[in-house]
């Protein structure tokens, strides 16, 4: 399965089941994951990991 098919499947699930309350949670998790990945090699990494 490609990443695009997973995203389209998730979108169809949210649309059909009317689970719109999941969208802020998913967006927050994606942004948090991107923050951790992007700051992994920088000087900010110890501060980001200290938050958790």
N, C-alpha and C. Protein backbone atom coordinates (compact mmCIF):
# COMPACT_ATOMS: atom_id res chain seq x y z
N UNK A 1 0.84 -1.19 0.00
CA UNK A 1 0.00 0.00 0.00
C UNK A 1 0.88 1.25 0.00
N UNK A 2 0.50 2.18 -0.79
CA UNK A 2 1.26 3.43 -0.83
C UNK A 2 0.71 4.40 0.22
N UNK A 3 1.50 5.42 0.49
CA UNK A 3 1.09 6.42 1.48
C UNK A 3 -0.13 7.19 0.99
N UNK A 4 -0.21 7.37 -0.31
CA UNK A 4 -1.34 8.11 -0.87
C UNK A 4 -2.64 7.33 -0.69
N UNK A 5 -2.58 6.02 -0.82
CA UNK A 5 -3.81 5.24 -0.64
C UNK A 5 -4.26 5.22 0.82
N UNK A 6 -3.31 5.26 1.73
CA UNK A 6 -3.66 5.32 3.15
C UNK A 6 -4.35 6.63 3.46
N UNK A 7 -3.82 7.73 2.91
CA UNK A 7 -4.44 9.03 3.14
C UNK A 7 -5.83 9.11 2.52
N UNK A 8 -5.98 8.56 1.31
CA UNK A 8 -7.30 8.60 0.68
C UNK A 8 -8.30 7.72 1.42
N UNK A 9 -7.82 6.60 1.94
CA UNK A 9 -8.69 5.73 2.73
C UNK A 9 -9.12 6.41 4.03
N UNK A 10 -8.20 7.11 4.67
CA UNK A 10 -8.52 7.86 5.88
C UNK A 10 -9.54 8.96 5.58
N UNK A 11 -9.35 9.67 4.47
CA UNK A 11 -10.28 10.73 4.07
C UNK A 11 -11.67 10.16 3.82
N UNK A 12 -11.76 9.03 3.14
CA UNK A 12 -13.06 8.40 2.88
C UNK A 12 -13.73 7.98 4.19
N UNK A 13 -12.94 7.45 5.12
CA UNK A 13 -13.48 7.05 6.42
C UNK A 13 -14.08 8.25 7.14
N UNK A 14 -13.32 9.36 7.17
CA UNK A 14 -13.80 10.55 7.87
C UNK A 14 -15.05 11.10 7.20
N UNK A 15 -15.10 11.04 5.88
CA UNK A 15 -16.23 11.59 5.14
C UNK A 15 -17.49 10.73 5.32
N UNK A 16 -17.34 9.42 5.24
CA UNK A 16 -18.50 8.53 5.32
C UNK A 16 -19.02 8.43 6.75
N UNK A 17 -18.12 8.27 7.70
CA UNK A 17 -18.52 8.05 9.10
C UNK A 17 -18.78 9.33 9.87
N UNK A 18 -18.51 10.48 9.25
CA UNK A 18 -18.71 11.80 9.89
C UNK A 18 -17.91 11.92 11.19
N UNK A 19 -16.67 11.48 11.14
CA UNK A 19 -15.78 11.55 12.31
C UNK A 19 -14.88 12.77 12.22
N UNK A 20 -15.46 13.94 12.05
CA UNK A 20 -14.69 15.16 11.86
C UNK A 20 -13.93 15.56 13.11
N UNK A 21 -14.31 15.06 14.26
CA UNK A 21 -13.61 15.40 15.49
C UNK A 21 -12.22 14.77 15.53
N UNK A 22 -11.95 13.79 14.67
CA UNK A 22 -10.63 13.18 14.62
C UNK A 22 -9.61 14.05 13.88
N UNK A 23 -10.08 14.94 13.03
CA UNK A 23 -9.18 15.74 12.20
C UNK A 23 -8.21 16.59 13.01
N UNK A 24 -8.62 17.31 14.06
CA UNK A 24 -7.63 18.07 14.83
C UNK A 24 -6.58 17.18 15.50
N UNK A 25 -6.97 16.00 15.94
CA UNK A 25 -6.02 15.08 16.56
C UNK A 25 -5.00 14.61 15.54
N UNK A 26 -5.46 14.27 14.34
CA UNK A 26 -4.56 13.81 13.29
C UNK A 26 -3.61 14.93 12.87
N UNK A 27 -4.12 16.13 12.72
CA UNK A 27 -3.28 17.26 12.33
C UNK A 27 -2.22 17.53 13.39
N UNK A 28 -2.62 17.49 14.65
CA UNK A 28 -1.67 17.72 15.75
C UNK A 28 -0.57 16.65 15.75
N UNK A 29 -0.93 15.39 15.57
CA UNK A 29 0.06 14.32 15.55
C UNK A 29 1.02 14.45 14.38
N UNK A 30 0.49 14.84 13.22
CA UNK A 30 1.35 15.02 12.04
C UNK A 30 2.32 16.18 12.26
N UNK A 31 1.82 17.29 12.79
CA UNK A 31 2.70 18.43 13.06
C UNK A 31 3.75 18.11 14.12
N UNK A 32 3.38 17.39 15.14
CA UNK A 32 4.32 17.01 16.19
C UNK A 32 5.39 16.07 15.63
N UNK A 33 4.98 15.12 14.82
CA UNK A 33 5.93 14.21 14.18
C UNK A 33 6.88 14.95 13.26
N UNK A 34 6.36 15.91 12.50
CA UNK A 34 7.21 16.70 11.61
C UNK A 34 8.20 17.54 12.41
N UNK A 35 7.76 18.10 13.52
CA UNK A 35 8.65 18.89 14.37
C UNK A 35 9.78 18.04 14.90
N UNK A 36 9.49 16.85 15.34
CA UNK A 36 10.53 15.97 15.87
C UNK A 36 11.50 15.54 14.78
N UNK A 37 10.98 15.21 13.61
CA UNK A 37 11.85 14.79 12.51
C UNK A 37 12.72 15.94 12.02
N UNK A 38 12.16 17.12 11.89
CA UNK A 38 12.93 18.25 11.36
C UNK A 38 13.96 18.78 12.33
N UNK A 39 13.75 18.64 13.62
CA UNK A 39 14.71 19.15 14.60
C UNK A 39 15.63 18.07 15.14
N UNK A 40 15.60 16.91 14.56
CA UNK A 40 16.38 15.79 15.06
C UNK A 40 17.88 16.07 15.05
N UNK A 41 18.37 16.70 14.02
CA UNK A 41 19.80 16.94 13.93
C UNK A 41 20.21 18.34 14.33
N UNK A 42 19.33 19.11 14.86
CA UNK A 42 19.67 20.50 15.17
C UNK A 42 19.97 20.68 16.66
N UNK A 43 20.33 21.89 17.00
CA UNK A 43 20.61 22.22 18.40
C UNK A 43 19.34 22.30 19.22
N UNK A 44 18.18 22.34 18.57
CA UNK A 44 16.91 22.41 19.31
C UNK A 44 16.44 21.05 19.82
N UNK A 45 17.03 19.99 19.33
CA UNK A 45 16.57 18.64 19.67
C UNK A 45 16.49 18.39 21.18
N UNK A 46 17.51 18.72 21.98
CA UNK A 46 17.40 18.46 23.42
C UNK A 46 16.24 19.21 24.09
N UNK A 47 15.92 20.39 23.58
CA UNK A 47 14.82 21.15 24.17
C UNK A 47 13.47 20.57 23.79
N UNK A 48 13.35 20.08 22.55
CA UNK A 48 12.09 19.46 22.11
C UNK A 48 11.85 18.18 22.90
N UNK A 49 12.87 17.35 23.05
CA UNK A 49 12.70 16.10 23.76
C UNK A 49 12.49 16.31 25.26
N UNK A 50 12.98 17.41 25.80
CA UNK A 50 12.79 17.70 27.22
C UNK A 50 11.33 18.02 27.54
N UNK A 51 10.59 18.49 26.54
CA UNK A 51 9.17 18.80 26.74
C UNK A 51 8.39 17.54 27.10
N UNK A 52 8.79 16.43 26.50
CA UNK A 52 8.05 15.19 26.69
C UNK A 52 8.73 14.32 27.71
